Amino acid sequence: MKAGVIGVSALPVGRHQGENADLLLSRLLRDALGDAGVDKSEVQALFTTPEGFTVRCTKIRAARLACYMGMELRTATVVENGGASSALGVKSLVREIESGRVDVGVVFSSEVEKYDFSAPEDLPAIMDINALYLPHDCLYGLMTATAYYALSMQRYMWEYSVPHEDISRVAVLLRDNASRNPLAQYRDPITLEDILASRVISPPIRLLDCSPASDGGAAVIIASEEYIKRKRKDAVYITGIGEWHDSSHFIPPAKGITHFPAITNATAEALEAAGRKIEDVDVAEVYGVFTSSELITYEDMGFFSKGKAPEAVARGETAIDGSIPINPSGGRLSLGHPFYVTPLLEIAEIYWQLTGNAGDRQVKDPRVGLVEAEHGMMNGSIVLILEV
C-alpha cells in the first residue's frame, strides 16, 4: 500500500520568541488539515519531535498534544535523532500506512529555541547541548558543530584545490532563491564579497557560510493510496526511502571528513526502492547547513563527482532554471534552519514544487523530487523520493 502527501503547512522561519511551541503545533495541524481537506477525526497517527535543541524538553509530548487537540489515535510518538528526527517520523508513518494499520496520519514539528544562556537556570540546557559532543570533545566547551565543519571545509579545499570563494558561491545562489520565498528568514541579496568580508566564525568558515539557528514549524499530512483514491484527492507519493547511519558521531575517528558514506548509502537505497536513478531527479531539497557541507552533499548523493560541485554551481546547474535545481527554497543557509523542523520544510517545498504551487521559485515541470536530512556531522542520513 503506497503512501502519499496530501497536505502541508509551514510557519515563516526566523524568530518566534515568546510563543508557545505546542500552541504553534496546534496551528500548524489546523492549517495542514485544511490544506488536505481532512477532518481531525480521521487522523489515526501523530508523530512529532522535541521542542528544540536549546530548551529543557518536556516529556510525552505526542500524547499531550493529542489531549489538547481532542484526538484519539492508534499511534502517538515523539521521534528524536538530531536533525533527521522529523524525516524519521515520516518514515515511521509511511511504514504504518504500508502495513494497513493507519489510513491518515500527521508528522509535525515546532521549536522555539532559547538563545539567552546568561541566567543560572539555563545551565541544564547548556550542559545538554555541550553533552552532544561526547566526553573527549565536550571538555573543550563546544556549543555548536561549526568547528567540526570547519575542519571538513579546510580538508575539502586542500584535497580538491578549491578556493574559499568557489565554495561560498553557493550561498549567493541560495539567497537569490530565498528572495522568492515568503517563508525565508533571509531574503536580502548578498554578494560573494559580502560573504568573504563577513565575520570569521571558525576558520575558514565565515558568518555567511553558516545557516542560522532558527525557530519555526511545519506539518505534513500523509495518507494511504486507498484513502486518496476514495476521497479523490491529488497526492505526491513517497516512492522510496533510504536510511543509513555511520559508525561515528560528529568527527569520524578513523575516516575522512570530505565524504560521508551515510548520505551515499541512504541515497542509493531510496533510489533503488523507487526504481529510479539520480539522473531522474528533477528537483531536490538537501540539508546542507554550511556552504562546504552543502556541496559535499551534492557530491555524495551522486549529482556531481567529487570536487566538482563548486564548478557546477558556478555554471548555474543547481539554479531554479538549471539542469538539477537544488534547494529552490533557499536551503538552510537562507530559508533558515529550525533543526527538528527542517526535514518537514524540505518535504513541503518538494510538495509545492511537484504540485506546481511554488510561486516565483517554481521549477519547470518537475515529476520526481528528492529530500535529504541528516544528523551529527552527516553521520546519519535519510533520503526520500517523492513523485506525482
Foldseek 3Di string as FASTA:
>chain_A
DFKFFQFKDKAQKFAPPPDDQLVVQVVRVVRRCVSNVHDLAQAAEEEEEFQALQDDTDPPSQVVSCVVVVYHHPYGYYFDDWLCGLVVVVVVVRVCVVVVNHFKHKYKYWYHHDDDCPDPVSVVSQVSQLPLVPDVPSVVVDNDLVQLVQVLVVVLCVVLVNDPLLLLLVLQQLLCLQLQAPSWNHNDGDDSVRLCPADPDHPPHHPLQFFDQITIMMMIMMGHPVVCVVVVGDTKIFQFKFKDFAPDFADDPPDHSLEAQQLLRRLVRRQVSNVHDPLLAAEEEEADGGSSLVQSSCCSSPVDPRSCSSVCVVVVQCHLAHSYPYNSNSHSSISHDNSHRVQNVRVVCVRCQQVVNNPPSHRPNGFKYKYKIARGSSRMIMMIIIGD
